[in-house]
Amino acid sequence: MAYVVTDPCIQCKHTNCSAVCPVDAFREGPNFLVIDPLECIDCDACVAECPEEAIYPDDEVPMEWVDYIELNERLSEEWAEHVINEVKEPLPEVDMWSGREDKREHLIENWENALEVGT
């Protein structure tokens, strides 16, 4: 079992969770974080640190976000060089995005697109 970052993280990207991870399992994308399932040791430390309540054990991910299990797996490979293990400021418009639902269409998956958009 590994932990999974889900929809509420998109466009918020708080990093408190990554700072408490003892094995550096978090990967940073332009506007989202993921957990590398091969690195995650199921310690549960990150869950309480997420103000968006976006992190779940993979066997408890809500049905509407089950596809985030595969998404975390895929993006953790694509973002392998973007290990994050420190606290950074959340995204500038976090207050506007916090608590919103169905944010998947706003996920920026690659850093090149983020540079074009200005993230």
PDB file of N, CA and C in Angstrom:
ATOM      1  N   MET A   1       0.845  -1.177   0.000  1.00  0.00           N
ATOM      2  CA  MET A   1       0.000   0.000   0.000  1.00  0.00           C
ATOM      3  C   MET A   1       0.895   1.246   0.000  1.00  0.00           C
ATOM      4  N   ALA A   2       0.460   2.239  -0.758  1.00  0.00           N
ATOM      5  CA  ALA A   2       1.139   3.532  -0.784  1.00  0.00           C
ATOM      6  C   ALA A   2       0.080   4.616  -0.602  1.00  0.00           C
ATOM      7  N   TYR A   3       0.529   5.801  -0.323  1.00  0.00           N
ATOM      8  CA  TYR A   3      -0.381   6.936  -0.214  1.00  0.00           C
ATOM      9  C   TYR A   3      -0.462   7.645  -1.558  1.00  0.00           C
ATOM     10  N   VAL A   4      -1.602   8.319  -1.780  1.00  0.00           N
ATOM     11  CA  VAL A   4      -1.911   8.925  -3.064  1.00  0.00           C
ATOM     12  C   VAL A   4      -2.379  10.361  -2.840  1.00  0.00           C
ATOM     13  N   VAL A   5      -1.860  11.275  -3.642  1.00  0.00           N
ATOM     14  CA  VAL A   5      -2.322  12.657  -3.631  1.00  0.00           C
ATOM     15  C   VAL A   5      -3.453  12.762  -4.654  1.00  0.00           C
ATOM     16  N   THR A   6      -4.549  13.416  -4.264  1.00  0.00           N
ATOM     17  CA  THR A   6      -5.732  13.474  -5.113  1.00  0.00           C
ATOM     18  C   THR A   6      -6.101  14.908  -5.497  1.00  0.00           C
ATOM     19  N   ASP A   7      -7.219  15.048  -6.135  1.00  0.00           N
ATOM     20  CA  ASP A   7      -7.735  16.279  -6.728  1.00  0.00           C
ATOM     21  C   ASP A   7      -7.607  17.551  -5.891  1.00  0.00           C
ATOM     22  N   PRO A   8      -7.877  17.544  -4.593  1.00  0.00           N
ATOM     23  CA  PRO A   8      -7.821  18.809  -3.845  1.00  0.00           C
ATOM     24  C   PRO A   8      -6.465  19.509  -3.865  1.00  0.00           C
ATOM     25  N   CYS A   9      -5.402  18.817  -4.191  1.00  0.00           N
ATOM     26  CA  CYS A   9      -4.066  19.415  -4.230  1.00  0.00           C
ATOM     27  C   CYS A   9      -3.859  20.310  -5.456  1.00  0.00           C
ATOM     28  N   ILE A  10      -4.566  20.039  -6.534  1.00  0.00           N
ATOM     29  CA  ILE A  10      -4.366  20.784  -7.777  1.00  0.00           C
ATOM     30  C   ILE A  10      -4.619  22.266  -7.547  1.00  0.00           C
ATOM     31  N   GLN A  11      -3.688  23.074  -8.020  1.00  0.00           N
ATOM     32  CA  GLN A  11      -3.708  24.532  -7.942  1.00  0.00           C
ATOM     33  C   GLN A  11      -3.502  25.070  -6.518  1.00  0.00           C
ATOM     34  N   CYS A  12      -3.236  24.206  -5.555  1.00  0.00           N
ATOM     35  CA  CYS A  12      -2.946  24.652  -4.193  1.00  0.00           C
ATOM     36  C   CYS A  12      -1.485  24.367  -3.871  1.00  0.00           C
ATOM     37  N   LYS A  13      -1.109  23.103  -3.960  1.00  0.00           N
ATOM     38  CA  LYS A  13       0.261  22.633  -3.801  1.00  0.00           C
ATOM     39  C   LYS A  13       0.922  23.106  -2.503  1.00  0.00           C
ATOM     40  N   HIS A  14       0.255  22.810  -1.394  1.00  0.00           N
ATOM     41  CA  HIS A  14       0.917  22.999  -0.102  1.00  0.00           C
ATOM     42  C   HIS A  14       2.036  21.958  -0.032  1.00  0.00           C
ATOM     43  N   THR A  15       3.098  22.243   0.647  1.00  0.00           N
ATOM     44  CA  THR A  15       4.223  21.307   0.664  1.00  0.00           C
ATOM     45  C   THR A  15       4.577  20.818   2.068  1.00  0.00           C
ATOM     46  N   ASN A  16       3.727  21.105   3.033  1.00  0.00           N
ATOM     47  CA  ASN A  16       3.952  20.638   4.403  1.00  0.00           C
ATOM     48  C   ASN A  16       4.139  19.119   4.413  1.00  0.00           C
ATOM     49  N   CYS A  17       3.372  18.435   3.594  1.00  0.00           N
ATOM     50  CA  CYS A  17       3.406  16.977   3.522  1.00  0.00           C
ATOM     51  C   CYS A  17       4.783  16.470   3.108  1.00  0.00           C
ATOM     52  N   SER A  18       5.371  17.118   2.124  1.00  0.00           N
ATOM     53  CA  SER A  18       6.666  16.658   1.618  1.00  0.00           C
ATOM     54  C   SER A  18       7.781  16.849   2.639  1.00  0.00           C
ATOM     55  N   ALA A  19       7.656  17.866   3.471  1.00  0.00           N
ATOM     56  CA  ALA A  19       8.697  18.155   4.462  1.00  0.00           C
ATOM     57  C   ALA A  19       8.759  17.103   5.569  1.00  0.00           C
ATOM     58  N   VAL A  20       7.650  16.420   5.837  1.00  0.00           N
ATOM     59  CA  VAL A  20       7.644  15.415   6.905  1.00  0.00           C
ATOM     60  C   VAL A  20       7.885  13.995   6.394  1.00  0.00           C
ATOM     61  N   CYS A  21       7.979  13.835   5.094  1.00  0.00           N
ATOM     62  CA  CYS A  21       8.181  12.502   4.520  1.00  0.00           C
ATOM     63  C   CYS A  21       9.606  12.025   4.810  1.00  0.00           C
ATOM     64  N   PRO A  22       9.746  10.906   5.521  1.00  0.00           N
ATOM     65  CA  PRO A  22      11.088  10.448   5.894  1.00  0.00           C
ATOM     66  C   PRO A  22      11.889   9.810   4.763  1.00  0.00           C
ATOM     67  N   VAL A  23      11.245   9.538   3.626  1.00  0.00           N
ATOM     68  CA  VAL A  23      11.945   8.857   2.536  1.00  0.00           C
ATOM     69  C   VAL A  23      11.945   9.637   1.217  1.00  0.00           C
ATOM     70  N   ASP A  24      11.577  10.906   1.252  1.00  0.00           N
ATOM     71  CA  ASP A  24      11.569  11.733   0.043  1.00  0.00           C
ATOM     72  C   ASP A  24      10.750  11.116  -1.088  1.00  0.00           C
ATOM     73  N   ALA A  25       9.524  10.711  -0.775  1.00  0.00           N
ATOM     74  CA  ALA A  25       8.660  10.067  -1.762  1.00  0.00           C
ATOM     75  C   ALA A  25       7.856  11.059  -2.603  1.00  0.00           C
ATOM     76  N   PHE A  26       7.864  12.328  -2.237  1.00  0.00           N
ATOM     77  CA  PHE A  26       7.066  13.314  -2.974  1.00  0.00           C
ATOM     78  C   PHE A  26       7.809  13.826  -4.200  1.00  0.00           C
ATOM     79  N   ARG A  27       7.027  14.039  -5.268  1.00  0.00           N
ATOM     80  CA  ARG A  27       7.529  14.637  -6.498  1.00  0.00           C
ATOM     81  C   ARG A  27       6.687  15.872  -6.771  1.00  0.00           C
ATOM     82  N   GLU A  28       7.341  16.916  -7.254  1.00  0.00           N
ATOM     83  CA  GLU A  28       6.673  18.186  -7.483  1.00  0.00           C
ATOM     84  C   GLU A  28       6.429  18.417  -8.960  1.00  0.00           C
ATOM     85  N   GLY A  29       5.187  18.762  -9.271  1.00  0.00           N
ATOM     86  CA  GLY A  29       4.827  19.203 -10.608  1.00  0.00           C
ATOM     87  C   GLY A  29       4.538  20.690 -10.573  1.00  0.00           C
ATOM     88  N   PRO A  30       4.199  21.264 -11.698  1.00  0.00           N
ATOM     89  CA  PRO A  30       3.952  22.704 -11.752  1.00  0.00           C
ATOM     90  C   PRO A  30       2.841  23.180 -10.813  1.00  0.00           C
ATOM     91  N   ASN A  31       1.768  22.396 -10.684  1.00  0.00           N
ATOM     92  CA  ASN A  31       0.669  22.831  -9.820  1.00  0.00           C
ATOM     93  C   ASN A  31       0.046  21.678  -9.030  1.00  0.00           C
ATOM     94  N   PHE A  32       0.862  20.670  -8.706  1.00  0.00           N
ATOM     95  CA  PHE A  32       0.360  19.461  -8.056  1.00  0.00           C
ATOM     96  C   PHE A  32       1.555  18.689  -7.503  1.00  0.00           C
ATOM     97  N   LEU A  33       1.326  17.912  -6.474  1.00  0.00           N
ATOM     98  CA  LEU A  33       2.332  16.999  -5.936  1.00  0.00           C
ATOM     99  C   LEU A  33       1.850  15.571  -6.121  1.00  0.00           C
ATOM    100  N   VAL A  34       2.764  14.631  -6.223  1.00  0.00           N
ATOM    101  CA  VAL A  34       2.422  13.208  -6.243  1.00  0.00           C
ATOM    102  C   VAL A  34       3.351  12.468  -5.293  1.00  0.00           C
ATOM    103  N   ILE A  35       2.959  11.252  -4.972  1.00  0.00           N
ATOM    104  CA  ILE A  35       3.777  10.376  -4.134  1.00  0.00           C
ATOM    105  C   ILE A  35       4.233   9.197  -4.968  1.00  0.00           C
ATOM    106  N   ASP A  36       5.520   8.950  -4.957  1.00  0.00           N
ATOM    107  CA  ASP A  36       6.079   7.804  -5.669  1.00  0.00           C
ATOM    108  C   ASP A  36       5.729   6.547  -4.875  1.00  0.00           C
ATOM    109  N   PRO A  37       4.900   5.655  -5.445  1.00  0.00           N
ATOM    110  CA  PRO A  37       4.480   4.468  -4.699  1.00  0.00           C
ATOM    111  C   PRO A  37       5.623   3.495  -4.393  1.00  0.00           C
ATOM    112  N   LEU A  38       6.708   3.592  -5.158  1.00  0.00           N
ATOM    113  CA  LEU A  38       7.850   2.713  -4.901  1.00  0.00           C
ATOM    114  C   LEU A  38       8.711   3.222  -3.753  1.00  0.00           C
ATOM    115  N   GLU A  39       8.604   4.513  -3.449  1.00  0.00           N
ATOM    116  CA  GLU A  39       9.365   5.104  -2.351  1.00  0.00           C
ATOM    117  C   GLU A  39       8.567   5.170  -1.046  1.00  0.00           C
ATOM    118  N   CYS A  40       7.259   5.307  -1.161  1.00  0.00           N
ATOM    119  CA  CYS A  40       6.391   5.480   0.011  1.00  0.00           C
ATOM    120  C   CYS A  40       6.480   4.268   0.936  1.00  0.00           C
ATOM    121  N   ILE A  41       6.666   4.531   2.233  1.00  0.00           N
ATOM    122  CA  ILE A  41       6.763   3.441   3.219  1.00  0.00           C
ATOM    123  C   ILE A  41       5.510   3.356   4.093  1.00  0.00           C
ATOM    124  N   ASP A  42       4.442   4.013   3.667  1.00  0.00           N
ATOM    125  CA  ASP A  42       3.150   3.925   4.341  1.00  0.00           C
ATOM    126  C   ASP A  42       3.205   4.388   5.790  1.00  0.00           C
ATOM    127  N   CYS A  43       3.972   5.413   6.054  1.00  0.00           N
ATOM    128  CA  CYS A  43       4.137   5.864   7.439  1.00  0.00           C
ATOM    129  C   CYS A  43       2.992   6.747   7.924  1.00  0.00           C
ATOM    130  N   ASP A  44       2.216   7.332   7.000  1.00  0.00           N
ATOM    131  CA  ASP A  44       1.047   8.136   7.354  1.00  0.00           C
ATOM    132  C   ASP A  44       1.406   9.551   7.821  1.00  0.00           C
ATOM    133  N   ALA A  45       2.666   9.922   7.848  1.00  0.00           N
ATOM    134  CA  ALA A  45       3.066  11.237   8.366  1.00  0.00           C
ATOM    135  C   ALA A  45       2.510  12.387   7.538  1.00  0.00           C
ATOM    136  N   CYS A  46       2.385  12.195   6.246  1.00  0.00           N
ATOM    137  CA  CYS A  46       1.957  13.271   5.353  1.00  0.00           C
ATOM    138  C   CYS A  46       0.478  13.613   5.470  1.00  0.00           C
ATOM    139  N   VAL A  47      -0.333  12.650   5.825  1.00  0.00           N
ATOM    140  CA  VAL A  47      -1.790  12.838   5.809  1.00  0.00           C
ATOM    141  C   VAL A  47      -2.221  13.996   6.699  1.00  0.00           C
ATOM    142  N   ALA A  48      -1.761  14.026   7.918  1.00  0.00           N
ATOM    143  CA  ALA A  48      -2.160  15.068   8.868  1.00  0.00           C
ATOM    144  C   ALA A  48      -1.623  16.442   8.476  1.00  0.00           C
ATOM    145  N   GLU A  49      -0.584  16.488   7.649  1.00  0.00           N
ATOM    146  CA  GLU A  49       0.035  17.762   7.267  1.00  0.00           C
ATOM    147  C   GLU A  49      -0.645  18.440   6.083  1.00  0.00           C
ATOM    148  N   CYS A  50      -1.546  17.745   5.417  1.00  0.00           N
ATOM    149  CA  CYS A  50      -2.183  18.288   4.212  1.00  0.00           C
ATOM    150  C   CYS A  50      -3.429  19.088   4.576  1.00  0.00           C
ATOM    151  N   PRO A  51      -3.385  20.426   4.430  1.00  0.00           N
ATOM    152  CA  PRO A  51      -4.554  21.235   4.777  1.00  0.00           C
ATOM    153  C   PRO A  51      -5.730  21.053   3.818  1.00  0.00           C
ATOM    154  N   GLU A  52      -5.484  20.478   2.653  1.00  0.00           N
ATOM    155  CA  GLU A  52      -6.554  20.248   1.678  1.00  0.00           C
ATOM    156  C   GLU A  52      -7.204  18.870   1.833  1.00  0.00           C
ATOM    157  N   GLU A  53      -6.662  18.048   2.731  1.00  0.00           N
ATOM    158  CA  GLU A  53      -7.142  16.666   2.918  1.00  0.00           C
ATOM    159  C   GLU A  53      -7.152  15.911   1.583  1.00  0.00           C
ATOM    160  N   ALA A  54      -6.024  15.996   0.886  1.00  0.00           N
ATOM    161  CA  ALA A  54      -5.896  15.424  -0.451  1.00  0.00           C
ATOM    162  C   ALA A  54      -5.188  14.080  -0.480  1.00  0.00           C
ATOM    163  N   ILE A  55      -4.679  13.595   0.661  1.00  0.00           N
ATOM    164  CA  ILE A  55      -3.841  12.395   0.665  1.00  0.00           C
ATOM    165  C   ILE A  55      -4.583  11.227   1.322  1.00  0.00           C
ATOM    166  N   TYR A  56      -4.576  10.086   0.610  1.00  0.00           N
ATOM    167  CA  TYR A  56      -5.272   8.882   1.080  1.00  0.00           C
ATOM    168  C   TYR A  56      -4.399   7.658   0.878  1.00  0.00           C
ATOM    169  N   PRO A  57      -4.597   6.627   1.719  1.00  0.00           N
ATOM    170  CA  PRO A  57      -3.993   5.332   1.399  1.00  0.00           C
ATOM    171  C   PRO A  57      -4.621   4.841   0.087  1.00  0.00           C
ATOM    172  N   ASP A  58      -3.863   4.144  -0.733  1.00  0.00           N
ATOM    173  CA  ASP A  58      -4.387   3.754  -2.045  1.00  0.00           C
ATOM    174  C   ASP A  58      -5.637   2.880  -1.978  1.00  0.00           C
ATOM    175  N   ASP A  59      -5.834   2.183  -0.874  1.00  0.00           N
ATOM    176  CA  ASP A  59      -7.043   1.356  -0.764  1.00  0.00           C
ATOM    177  C   ASP A  59      -8.223   2.109  -0.143  1.00  0.00           C
ATOM    178  N   GLU A  60      -8.057   3.414   0.111  1.00  0.00           N
ATOM    179  CA  GLU A  60      -9.136   4.237   0.663  1.00  0.00           C
ATOM    180  C   GLU A  60      -9.416   5.483  -0.174  1.00  0.00           C
ATOM    181  N   VAL A  61      -8.857   5.551  -1.367  1.00  0.00           N
ATOM    182  CA  VAL A  61      -9.097   6.692  -2.245  1.00  0.00           C
ATOM    183  C   VAL A  61     -10.582   6.701  -2.627  1.00  0.00           C
ATOM    184  N   PRO A  62     -11.258   7.842  -2.469  1.00  0.00           N
ATOM    185  CA  PRO A  62     -12.668   7.912  -2.868  1.00  0.00           C
ATOM    186  C   PRO A  62     -12.859   7.506  -4.333  1.00  0.00           C
ATOM    187  N   MET A  63     -13.969   6.876  -4.614  1.00  0.00           N
ATOM    188  CA  MET A  63     -14.237   6.339  -5.958  1.00  0.00           C
ATOM    189  C   MET A  63     -14.026   7.367  -7.070  1.00  0.00           C
ATOM    190  N   GLU A  64     -14.427   8.613  -6.837  1.00  0.00           N
ATOM    191  CA  GLU A  64     -14.312   9.616  -7.898  1.00  0.00           C
ATOM    192  C   GLU A  64     -12.861   9.969  -8.208  1.00  0.00           C
ATOM    193  N   TRP A  65     -11.937   9.545  -7.352  1.00  0.00           N
ATOM    194  CA  TRP A  65     -10.526   9.865  -7.560  1.00  0.00           C
ATOM    195  C   TRP A  65      -9.641   8.627  -7.717  1.00  0.00           C
ATOM    196  N   VAL A  66     -10.215   7.483  -7.976  1.00  0.00           N
ATOM    197  CA  VAL A  66      -9.436   6.241  -8.107  1.00  0.00           C
ATOM    198  C   VAL A  66      -8.376   6.363  -9.196  1.00  0.00           C
ATOM    199  N   ASP A  67      -8.653   7.125 -10.252  1.00  0.00           N
ATOM    200  CA  ASP A  67      -7.668   7.289 -11.322  1.00  0.00           C
ATOM    201  C   ASP A  67      -6.410   8.022 -10.865  1.00  0.00           C
ATOM    202  N   TYR A  68      -6.465   8.663  -9.709  1.00  0.00           N
ATOM    203  CA  TYR A  68      -5.281   9.341  -9.169  1.00  0.00           C
ATOM    204  C   TYR A  68      -4.227   8.331  -8.686  1.00  0.00           C
ATOM    205  N   ILE A  69      -4.617   7.111  -8.459  1.00  0.00           N
ATOM    206  CA  ILE A  69      -3.631   6.083  -8.087  1.00  0.00           C
ATOM    207  C   ILE A  69      -2.652   5.905  -9.245  1.00  0.00           C
ATOM    208  N   GLU A  70      -3.183   5.693 -10.439  1.00  0.00           N
ATOM    209  CA  GLU A  70      -2.346   5.550 -11.625  1.00  0.00           C
ATOM    210  C   GLU A  70      -1.644   6.860 -11.954  1.00  0.00           C
ATOM    211  N   LEU A  71      -2.321   7.976 -11.745  1.00  0.00           N
ATOM    212  CA  LEU A  71      -1.733   9.281 -12.033  1.00  0.00           C
ATOM    213  C   LEU A  71      -0.499   9.530 -11.168  1.00  0.00           C
ATOM    214  N   ASN A  72      -0.581   9.231  -9.866  1.00  0.00           N
ATOM    215  CA  ASN A  72       0.575   9.386  -8.986  1.00  0.00           C
ATOM    216  C   ASN A  72       1.721   8.501  -9.458  1.00  0.00           C
ATOM    217  N   GLU A  73       1.399   7.282  -9.842  1.00  0.00           N
ATOM    218  CA  GLU A  73       2.423   6.344 -10.307  1.00  0.00           C
ATOM    219  C   GLU A  73       3.114   6.865 -11.570  1.00  0.00           C
ATOM    220  N   ARG A  74       2.326   7.294 -12.531  1.00  0.00           N
ATOM    221  CA  ARG A  74       2.874   7.770 -13.805  1.00  0.00           C
ATOM    222  C   ARG A  74       3.659   9.072 -13.634  1.00  0.00           C
ATOM    223  N   LEU A  75       3.064  10.038 -12.936  1.00  0.00           N
ATOM    224  CA  LEU A  75       3.738  11.326 -12.791  1.00  0.00           C
ATOM    225  C   LEU A  75       4.960  11.247 -11.880  1.00  0.00           C
ATOM    226  N   SER A  76       4.961  10.326 -10.938  1.00  0.00           N
ATOM    227  CA  SER A  76       6.160  10.195 -10.097  1.00  0.00           C
ATOM    228  C   SER A  76       7.349   9.735 -10.936  1.00  0.00           C
ATOM    229  N   GLU A  77       7.093   8.972 -11.993  1.00  0.00           N
ATOM    230  CA  GLU A  77       8.161   8.589 -12.919  1.00  0.00           C
ATOM    231  C   GLU A  77       8.573   9.780 -13.789  1.00  0.00           C
ATOM    232  N   GLU A  78       7.575  10.494 -14.323  1.00  0.00           N
ATOM    233  CA  GLU A  78       7.860  11.631 -15.196  1.00  0.00           C
ATOM    234  C   GLU A  78       8.549  12.768 -14.443  1.00  0.00           C
ATOM    235  N   TRP A  79       8.191  12.938 -13.180  1.00  0.00           N
ATOM    236  CA  TRP A  79       8.756  14.023 -12.368  1.00  0.00           C
ATOM    237  C   TRP A  79       9.860  13.516 -11.437  1.00  0.00           C
ATOM    238  N   ALA A  80      10.486  12.412 -11.773  1.00  0.00           N
ATOM    239  CA  ALA A  80      11.481  11.778 -10.896  1.00  0.00           C
ATOM    240  C   ALA A  80      12.588  12.738 -10.450  1.00  0.00           C
ATOM    241  N   GLU A  81      12.964  13.662 -11.311  1.00  0.00           N
ATOM    242  CA  GLU A  81      14.033  14.598 -10.947  1.00  0.00           C
ATOM    243  C   GLU A  81      13.531  15.760 -10.093  1.00  0.00           C
ATOM    244  N   HIS A  82      12.242  15.813  -9.831  1.00  0.00           N
ATOM    245  CA  HIS A  82      11.653  16.900  -9.051  1.00  0.00           C
ATOM    246  C   HIS A  82      11.264  16.438  -7.640  1.00  0.00           C
ATOM    247  N   VAL A  83      12.200  15.816  -6.960  1.00  0.00           N
ATOM    248  CA  VAL A  83      11.969  15.405  -5.571  1.00  0.00           C
ATOM    249  C   VAL A  83      11.785  16.660  -4.729  1.00  0.00           C
ATOM    250  N   ILE A  84      10.781  16.644  -3.867  1.00  0.00           N
ATOM    251  CA  ILE A  84      10.567  17.772  -2.966  1.00  0.00           C
ATOM    252  C   ILE A  84      10.523  17.250  -1.536  1.00  0.00           C
ATOM    253  N   ASN A  85      11.304  17.872  -0.673  1.00  0.00           N
ATOM    254  CA  ASN A  85      11.373  17.439   0.728  1.00  0.00           C
ATOM    255  C   ASN A  85      11.482  18.633   1.676  1.00  0.00           C
ATOM    256  N   GLU A  86      10.939  19.761   1.222  1.00  0.00           N
ATOM    257  CA  GLU A  86      10.974  20.971   2.030  1.00  0.00           C
ATOM    258  C   GLU A  86       9.661  21.733   1.864  1.00  0.00           C
ATOM    259  N   VAL A  87       9.423  22.643   2.776  1.00  0.00           N
ATOM    260  CA  VAL A  87       8.232  23.480   2.687  1.00  0.00           C
ATOM    261  C   VAL A  87       8.517  24.653   1.759  1.00  0.00           C
ATOM    262  N   LYS A  88       7.616  24.855   0.820  1.00  0.00           N
ATOM    263  CA  LYS A  88       7.658  26.015  -0.065  1.00  0.00           C
ATOM    264  C   LYS A  88       6.315  26.731   0.090  1.00  0.00           C
ATOM    265  N   GLU A  89       6.253  27.941  -0.375  1.00  0.00           N
ATOM    266  CA  GLU A  89       4.988  28.661  -0.355  1.00  0.00           C
ATOM    267  C   GLU A  89       3.992  27.944  -1.271  1.00  0.00           C
ATOM    268  N   PRO A  90       2.707  27.878  -0.873  1.00  0.00           N
ATOM    269  CA  PRO A  90       1.710  27.313  -1.792  1.00  0.00           C
ATOM    270  C   PRO A  90       1.587  28.214  -3.022  1.00  0.00           C
ATOM    271  N   LEU A  91       0.850  27.770  -3.998  1.00  0.00           N
ATOM    272  CA  LEU A  91       0.672  28.569  -5.200  1.00  0.00           C
ATOM    273  C   LEU A  91      -0.005  29.896  -4.868  1.00  0.00           C
ATOM    274  N   PRO A  92       0.268  30.933  -5.635  1.00  0.00           N
ATOM    275  CA  PRO A  92      -0.228  32.272  -5.308  1.00  0.00           C
ATOM    276  C   PRO A  92      -1.743  32.390  -5.168  1.00  0.00           C
ATOM    277  N   GLU A  93      -2.502  31.628  -5.935  1.00  0.00           N
ATOM    278  CA  GLU A  93      -3.960  31.726  -5.883  1.00  0.00           C
ATOM    279  C   GLU A  93      -4.586  30.619  -5.049  1.00  0.00           C
ATOM    280  N   VAL A  94      -3.852  30.119  -4.058  1.00  0.00           N
ATOM    281  CA  VAL A  94      -4.327  29.007  -3.238  1.00  0.00           C
ATOM    282  C   VAL A  94      -5.681  29.300  -2.606  1.00  0.00           C
ATOM    283  N   ASP A  95      -5.901  30.515  -2.152  1.00  0.00           N
ATOM    284  CA  ASP A  95      -7.176  30.830  -1.497  1.00  0.00           C
ATOM    285  C   ASP A  95      -8.354  30.701  -2.456  1.00  0.00           C
ATOM    286  N   MET A  96      -8.147  31.012  -3.708  1.00  0.00           N
ATOM    287  CA  MET A  96      -9.202  30.892  -4.702  1.00  0.00           C
ATOM    288  C   MET A  96      -9.512  29.425  -5.031  1.00  0.00           C
ATOM    289  N   TRP A  97      -8.501  28.562  -4.968  1.00  0.00           N
ATOM    290  CA  TRP A  97      -8.649  27.171  -5.365  1.00  0.00           C
ATOM    291  C   TRP A  97      -8.947  26.225  -4.211  1.00  0.00           C
ATOM    292  N   SER A  98      -8.592  26.596  -3.014  1.00  0.00           N
ATOM    293  CA  SER A  98      -8.784  25.729  -1.851  1.00  0.00           C
ATOM    294  C   SER A  98     -10.267  25.408  -1.666  1.00  0.00           C
ATOM    295  N   GLY A  99     -10.558  24.133  -1.504  1.00  0.00           N
ATOM    296  CA  GLY A  99     -11.940  23.707  -1.281  1.00  0.00           C
ATOM    297  C   GLY A  99     -12.754  23.494  -2.543  1.00  0.00           C
ATOM    298  N   ARG A 100     -12.232  23.863  -3.691  1.00  0.00           N
ATOM    299  CA  ARG A 100     -12.946  23.631  -4.951  1.00  0.00           C
ATOM    300  C   ARG A 100     -12.903  22.148  -5.300  1.00  0.00           C
ATOM    301  N   GLU A 101     -13.865  21.727  -6.073  1.00  0.00           N
ATOM    302  CA  GLU A 101     -13.936  20.330  -6.505  1.00  0.00           C
ATOM    303  C   GLU A 101     -13.708  20.224  -8.003  1.00  0.00           C
ATOM    304  N   ASP A 102     -13.398  19.013  -8.438  1.00  0.00           N
ATOM    305  CA  ASP A 102     -13.252  18.706  -9.869  1.00  0.00           C
ATOM    306  C   ASP A 102     -12.234  19.613 -10.561  1.00  0.00           C
ATOM    307  N   LYS A 103     -11.010  19.578 -10.084  1.00  0.00           N
ATOM    308  CA  LYS A 103      -9.960  20.450 -10.617  1.00  0.00           C
ATOM    309  C   LYS A 103      -9.056  19.754 -11.634  1.00  0.00           C
ATOM    310  N   ARG A 104      -9.323  18.507 -11.961  1.00  0.00           N
ATOM    311  CA  ARG A 104      -8.434  17.708 -12.816  1.00  0.00           C
ATOM    312  C   ARG A 104      -8.088  18.405 -14.131  1.00  0.00           C
ATOM    313  N   GLU A 105      -9.051  19.082 -14.736  1.00  0.00           N
ATOM    314  CA  GLU A 105      -8.790  19.731 -16.025  1.00  0.00           C
ATOM    315  C   GLU A 105      -7.741  20.841 -15.905  1.00  0.00           C
ATOM    316  N   HIS A 106      -7.449  21.280 -14.695  1.00  0.00           N
ATOM    317  CA  HIS A 106      -6.470  22.343 -14.471  1.00  0.00           C
ATOM    318  C   HIS A 106      -5.068  21.808 -14.153  1.00  0.00           C
ATOM    319  N   LEU A 107      -4.937  20.494 -14.078  1.00  0.00           N
ATOM    320  CA  LEU A 107      -3.646  19.880 -13.789  1.00  0.00           C
ATOM    321  C   LEU A 107      -2.683  20.102 -14.952  1.00  0.00           C
ATOM    322  N   ILE A 108      -1.519  20.640 -14.641  1.00  0.00           N
ATOM    323  CA  ILE A 108      -0.459  20.812 -15.635  1.00  0.00           C
ATOM    324  C   ILE A 108       0.533  19.676 -15.395  1.00  0.00           C
ATOM    325  N   GLU A 109       0.656  18.799 -16.374  1.00  0.00           N
ATOM    326  CA  GLU A 109       1.471  17.603 -16.182  1.00  0.00           C
ATOM    327  C   GLU A 109       2.934  17.772 -16.540  1.00  0.00           C
ATOM    328  N   ASN A 110       3.265  18.715 -17.399  1.00  0.00           N
ATOM    329  CA  ASN A 110       4.694  18.829 -17.701  1.00  0.00           C
ATOM    330  C   ASN A 110       5.187  20.241 -17.504  1.00  0.00           C
ATOM    331  N   TRP A 111       6.442  20.310 -17.127  1.00  0.00           N
ATOM    332  CA  TRP A 111       7.066  21.585 -16.788  1.00  0.00           C
ATOM    333  C   TRP A 111       7.161  22.524 -17.989  1.00  0.00           C
ATOM    334  N   GLU A 112       7.293  22.009 -19.193  1.00  0.00           N
ATOM    335  CA  GLU A 112       7.378  22.869 -20.382  1.00  0.00           C
ATOM    336  C   GLU A 112       6.086  23.648 -20.556  1.00  0.00           C
ATOM    337  N   ASN A 113       4.929  22.983 -20.368  1.00  0.00           N
ATOM    338  CA  ASN A 113       3.643  23.680 -20.459  1.00  0.00           C
ATOM    339  C   ASN A 113       3.528  24.724 -19.370  1.00  0.00           C
ATOM    340  N   ALA A 114       4.056  24.441 -18.206  1.00  0.00           N
ATOM    341  CA  ALA A 114       3.981  25.387 -17.088  1.00  0.00           C
ATOM    342  C   ALA A 114       4.752  26.652 -17.422  1.00  0.00           C
ATOM    343  N   LEU A 115       5.872  26.523 -18.088  1.00  0.00           N
ATOM    344  CA  LEU A 115       6.656  27.689 -18.447  1.00  0.00           C
ATOM    345  C   LEU A 115       5.929  28.548 -19.481  1.00  0.00           C
ATOM    346  N   GLU A 116       5.191  27.893 -20.383  1.00  0.00           N
ATOM    347  CA  GLU A 116       4.404  28.622 -21.377  1.00  0.00           C
ATOM    348  C   GLU A 116       3.258  29.383 -20.722  1.00  0.00           C
ATOM    349  N   VAL A 117       2.652  28.776 -19.689  1.00  0.00           N
ATOM    350  CA  VAL A 117       1.521  29.384 -19.001  1.00  0.00           C
ATOM    351  C   VAL A 117       1.982  30.406 -17.978  1.00  0.00           C
ATOM    352  N   GLY A 118       3.237  30.308 -17.553  1.00  0.00           N
ATOM    353  CA  GLY A 118       3.774  31.251 -16.590  1.00  0.00           C
ATOM    354  C   GLY A 118       3.687  30.800 -15.165  1.00  0.00           C
ATOM    355  N   THR A 119       3.592  29.492 -14.917  1.00  0.00           N
ATOM    356  CA  THR A 119       3.531  28.959 -13.563  1.00  0.00           C
ATOM    357  C   THR A 119       4.915  28.920 -12.961  1.00  0.00           C
TER     358      THR A 119
END
